[in-house]
């Protein structure tokens, strides 16, 4: 599967949170680079698909999908060739990108494999409530 990823948070405050929490470096490594703020991606400003991908989608009448955390999940909104769009929390957007498909049950199926070839599940990478609270405290100064 091919995955196009981008990061367009609602405000610069989110960027500050991600940097202070040390997450932006990892998001960058995964291809979730900052492309702008607000409705950049969800209004169709995500840019073109690579020619070979676009040609394959058209030639085979494929139903390709997106997973986004915005509120624009109707056909063609993100890109004219993207017909199925799923809304998810930002961490689930990243998890589906790692998995590479929306045809997977992330609660039961692996999202990928580690360096040794062992299956990695969503539960393995999902932070605990305590980890989330610690990061929130770190970025909010409390």
C-alpha atoms as a PDB file:
ATOM      1  CA  UNK A   1       0.000   0.000   0.000  1.00  0.00           C
ATOM      2  CA  UNK A   2       0.971   3.609  -0.513  1.00  0.00           C
ATOM      3  CA  UNK A   3       0.305   6.236   2.164  1.00  0.00           C
ATOM      4  CA  UNK A   4       0.401   9.994   1.782  1.00  0.00           C
ATOM      5  CA  UNK A   5       0.728  11.729   5.122  1.00  0.00           C
ATOM      6  CA  UNK A   6       0.715  15.318   6.299  1.00  0.00           C
ATOM      7  CA  UNK A   7       0.162  17.331   9.451  1.00  0.00           C
ATOM      8  CA  UNK A   8      -2.089  20.391   9.425  1.00  0.00           C
ATOM      9  CA  UNK A   9      -3.093  21.160  13.025  1.00  0.00           C
ATOM     10  CA  UNK A  10      -5.759  23.681  13.850  1.00  0.00           C
ATOM     11  CA  UNK A  11      -3.288  26.141  15.338  1.00  0.00           C
ATOM     12  CA  UNK A  12       0.368  26.792  16.116  1.00  0.00           C
ATOM     13  CA  UNK A  13      -0.368  25.924  19.736  1.00  0.00           C
ATOM     14  CA  UNK A  14      -0.641  22.267  18.701  1.00  0.00           C
ATOM     15  CA  UNK A  15       2.776  22.477  17.051  1.00  0.00           C
ATOM     16  CA  UNK A  16       4.202  23.858  20.296  1.00  0.00           C
ATOM     17  CA  UNK A  17       2.621  20.998  22.276  1.00  0.00           C
ATOM     18  CA  UNK A  18       4.054  18.399  19.910  1.00  0.00           C
ATOM     19  CA  UNK A  19       7.532  19.930  20.064  1.00  0.00           C
ATOM     20  CA  UNK A  20       7.527  20.299  23.863  1.00  0.00           C
ATOM     21  CA  UNK A  21       6.380  16.694  24.230  1.00  0.00           C
ATOM     22  CA  UNK A  22       9.169  15.558  21.899  1.00  0.00           C
ATOM     23  CA  UNK A  23       6.681  14.042  19.459  1.00  0.00           C
ATOM     24  CA  UNK A  24       7.210  16.195  16.373  1.00  0.00           C
ATOM     25  CA  UNK A  25      10.596  14.639  15.597  1.00  0.00           C
ATOM     26  CA  UNK A  26       8.990  11.192  15.491  1.00  0.00           C
ATOM     27  CA  UNK A  27       6.015  12.426  13.489  1.00  0.00           C
ATOM     28  CA  UNK A  28       8.448  13.947  10.976  1.00  0.00           C
ATOM     29  CA  UNK A  29      10.245  10.599  10.691  1.00  0.00           C
ATOM     30  CA  UNK A  30       6.892   8.953   9.918  1.00  0.00           C
ATOM     31  CA  UNK A  31       6.119  11.514   7.209  1.00  0.00           C
ATOM     32  CA  UNK A  32       3.728  13.648   9.236  1.00  0.00           C
ATOM     33  CA  UNK A  33       5.513  16.883   8.431  1.00  0.00           C
ATOM     34  CA  UNK A  34       3.866  20.229   9.079  1.00  0.00           C
ATOM     35  CA  UNK A  35       2.229  21.458   5.866  1.00  0.00           C
ATOM     36  CA  UNK A  36       0.190  24.334   7.265  1.00  0.00           C
ATOM     37  CA  UNK A  37      -2.534  25.167   9.741  1.00  0.00           C
ATOM     38  CA  UNK A  38      -6.280  24.850   9.761  1.00  0.00           C
ATOM     39  CA  UNK A  39      -8.180  23.258   6.915  1.00  0.00           C
ATOM     40  CA  UNK A  40      -5.137  22.892   4.668  1.00  0.00           C
ATOM     41  CA  UNK A  41      -5.574  19.172   4.006  1.00  0.00           C
ATOM     42  CA  UNK A  42      -9.299  18.713   4.515  1.00  0.00           C
ATOM     43  CA  UNK A  43     -10.245  21.253   1.835  1.00  0.00           C
ATOM     44  CA  UNK A  44      -8.245  19.504  -0.835  1.00  0.00           C
ATOM     45  CA  UNK A  45      -4.951  21.364  -0.565  1.00  0.00           C
ATOM     46  CA  UNK A  46      -2.977  18.197   0.077  1.00  0.00           C
ATOM     47  CA  UNK A  47      -1.460  18.305  -3.380  1.00  0.00           C
ATOM     48  CA  UNK A  48      -1.598  15.812  -6.212  1.00  0.00           C
ATOM     49  CA  UNK A  49      -1.124  12.096  -5.950  1.00  0.00           C
ATOM     50  CA  UNK A  50       1.981  10.758  -7.700  1.00  0.00           C
ATOM     51  CA  UNK A  51       1.242  10.152 -11.380  1.00  0.00           C
ATOM     52  CA  UNK A  52       1.621   6.370 -11.140  1.00  0.00           C
ATOM     53  CA  UNK A  53      -0.777   6.189  -8.178  1.00  0.00           C
ATOM     54  CA  UNK A  54      -3.303   8.501  -9.837  1.00  0.00           C
ATOM     55  CA  UNK A  55      -3.143   6.486 -13.073  1.00  0.00           C
ATOM     56  CA  UNK A  56      -3.628   3.178 -11.240  1.00  0.00           C
ATOM     57  CA  UNK A  57      -6.627   4.531  -9.289  1.00  0.00           C
ATOM     58  CA  UNK A  58      -8.269   5.762 -12.501  1.00  0.00           C
ATOM     59  CA  UNK A  59      -7.406   2.733 -14.640  1.00  0.00           C
ATOM     60  CA  UNK A  60      -8.752   0.213 -12.126  1.00  0.00           C
ATOM     61  CA  UNK A  61     -11.583   2.376 -10.733  1.00  0.00           C
ATOM     62  CA  UNK A  62     -10.180   1.885  -7.239  1.00  0.00           C
ATOM     63  CA  UNK A  63     -11.916   3.165  -4.147  1.00  0.00           C
ATOM     64  CA  UNK A  64      -9.061   4.669  -2.186  1.00  0.00           C
ATOM     65  CA  UNK A  65      -9.467   6.121   1.267  1.00  0.00           C
ATOM     66  CA  UNK A  66      -8.147   8.664   3.697  1.00  0.00           C
ATOM     67  CA  UNK A  67      -8.106   8.756   7.465  1.00  0.00           C
ATOM     68  CA  UNK A  68      -8.222  12.253   8.875  1.00  0.00           C
ATOM     69  CA  UNK A  69      -8.952  13.992  12.137  1.00  0.00           C
ATOM     70  CA  UNK A  70     -10.831  16.887  10.543  1.00  0.00           C
ATOM     71  CA  UNK A  71     -14.520  17.003   9.827  1.00  0.00           C
ATOM     72  CA  UNK A  72     -14.463  16.786   6.038  1.00  0.00           C
ATOM     73  CA  UNK A  73     -15.118  13.147   5.325  1.00  0.00           C
ATOM     74  CA  UNK A  74     -17.239  13.308   2.190  1.00  0.00           C
ATOM     75  CA  UNK A  75     -16.179  11.942  -1.172  1.00  0.00           C
ATOM     76  CA  UNK A  76     -13.669  14.032  -3.089  1.00  0.00           C
ATOM     77  CA  UNK A  77     -13.126  16.593  -0.345  1.00  0.00           C
ATOM     78  CA  UNK A  78      -9.545  15.648   0.502  1.00  0.00           C
ATOM     79  CA  UNK A  79      -8.697  14.777  -3.111  1.00  0.00           C
ATOM     80  CA  UNK A  80     -10.938  14.174  -6.156  1.00  0.00           C
ATOM     81  CA  UNK A  81      -9.766  10.553  -6.404  1.00  0.00           C
ATOM     82  CA  UNK A  82     -10.214   9.771  -2.707  1.00  0.00           C
ATOM     83  CA  UNK A  83     -13.705   8.376  -2.396  1.00  0.00           C
ATOM     84  CA  UNK A  84     -13.814   6.909   1.122  1.00  0.00           C
ATOM     85  CA  UNK A  85     -12.829   9.060   4.069  1.00  0.00           C
ATOM     86  CA  UNK A  86     -12.706   8.009   7.701  1.00  0.00           C
ATOM     87  CA  UNK A  87     -12.694  10.314  10.713  1.00  0.00           C
ATOM     88  CA  UNK A  88     -10.427   9.341  13.604  1.00  0.00           C
ATOM     89  CA  UNK A  89      -8.529  10.849  16.499  1.00  0.00           C
ATOM     90  CA  UNK A  90      -5.038  12.096  15.594  1.00  0.00           C
ATOM     91  CA  UNK A  91      -3.283   9.078  17.172  1.00  0.00           C
ATOM     92  CA  UNK A  92      -5.512   6.715  15.181  1.00  0.00           C
ATOM     93  CA  UNK A  93      -4.714   8.624  11.993  1.00  0.00           C
ATOM     94  CA  UNK A  94      -1.039   7.836  12.613  1.00  0.00           C
ATOM     95  CA  UNK A  95      -1.826   4.206  13.488  1.00  0.00           C
ATOM     96  CA  UNK A  96      -3.768   3.681  10.247  1.00  0.00           C
ATOM     97  CA  UNK A  97      -0.925   5.287   8.293  1.00  0.00           C
ATOM     98  CA  UNK A  98       1.520   2.860   9.888  1.00  0.00           C
ATOM     99  CA  UNK A  99      -0.811  -0.017   9.060  1.00  0.00           C
ATOM    100  CA  UNK A 100      -1.169   1.162   5.463  1.00  0.00           C
ATOM    101  CA  UNK A 101      -4.790   0.143   5.047  1.00  0.00           C
ATOM    102  CA  UNK A 102      -8.243   0.942   6.362  1.00  0.00           C
ATOM    103  CA  UNK A 103      -9.248  -2.687   5.781  1.00  0.00           C
ATOM    104  CA  UNK A 104      -7.760  -3.785   9.084  1.00  0.00           C
ATOM    105  CA  UNK A 105      -9.258  -4.130  12.552  1.00  0.00           C
ATOM    106  CA  UNK A 106      -6.669  -2.295  14.617  1.00  0.00           C
ATOM    107  CA  UNK A 107      -8.079  -3.749  17.828  1.00  0.00           C
ATOM    108  CA  UNK A 108      -7.208  -7.293  16.698  1.00  0.00           C
ATOM    109  CA  UNK A 109      -4.758  -7.178  13.800  1.00  0.00           C
ATOM    110  CA  UNK A 110      -1.143  -5.959  13.844  1.00  0.00           C
ATOM    111  CA  UNK A 111      -0.363  -2.518  12.475  1.00  0.00           C
ATOM    112  CA  UNK A 112       3.082  -3.689  11.427  1.00  0.00           C
ATOM    113  CA  UNK A 113       6.196  -5.495  12.566  1.00  0.00           C
ATOM    114  CA  UNK A 114       9.190  -4.450  14.619  1.00  0.00           C
ATOM    115  CA  UNK A 115      12.833  -4.780  13.529  1.00  0.00           C
ATOM    116  CA  UNK A 116      12.850  -8.449  14.544  1.00  0.00           C
ATOM    117  CA  UNK A 117       9.698  -9.220  12.565  1.00  0.00           C
ATOM    118  CA  UNK A 118       7.396  -9.475  15.582  1.00  0.00           C
ATOM    119  CA  UNK A 119       3.855  -8.221  15.168  1.00  0.00           C
ATOM    120  CA  UNK A 120       3.141  -4.812  16.697  1.00  0.00           C
ATOM    121  CA  UNK A 121      -0.409  -4.039  17.776  1.00  0.00           C
ATOM    122  CA  UNK A 122      -2.138  -0.768  18.524  1.00  0.00           C
ATOM    123  CA  UNK A 123      -2.191  -1.699  22.220  1.00  0.00           C
ATOM    124  CA  UNK A 124       1.626  -1.894  22.117  1.00  0.00           C
ATOM    125  CA  UNK A 125       2.051   1.725  21.052  1.00  0.00           C
ATOM    126  CA  UNK A 126      -1.030   3.334  22.632  1.00  0.00           C
ATOM    127  CA  UNK A 127      -0.042   5.476  25.639  1.00  0.00           C
ATOM    128  CA  UNK A 128      -1.505   4.800  29.063  1.00  0.00           C
ATOM    129  CA  UNK A 129      -3.629   7.405  30.834  1.00  0.00           C
ATOM    130  CA  UNK A 130      -0.640   8.073  33.095  1.00  0.00           C
ATOM    131  CA  UNK A 131       1.686   8.677  30.134  1.00  0.00           C
ATOM    132  CA  UNK A 132      -0.825  11.066  28.592  1.00  0.00           C
ATOM    133  CA  UNK A 133      -1.250  12.940  31.886  1.00  0.00           C
ATOM    134  CA  UNK A 134       2.535  13.268  32.239  1.00  0.00           C
ATOM    135  CA  UNK A 135       2.884  14.727  28.729  1.00  0.00           C
ATOM    136  CA  UNK A 136      -0.026  17.118  29.267  1.00  0.00           C
ATOM    137  CA  UNK A 137       1.603  18.299  32.488  1.00  0.00           C
ATOM    138  CA  UNK A 138       4.933  18.733  30.694  1.00  0.00           C
ATOM    139  CA  UNK A 139       3.533  20.923  27.932  1.00  0.00           C
ATOM    140  CA  UNK A 140       1.142  22.877  30.134  1.00  0.00           C
ATOM    141  CA  UNK A 141       3.708  23.597  32.839  1.00  0.00           C
ATOM    142  CA  UNK A 142       1.673  22.005  35.625  1.00  0.00           C
END
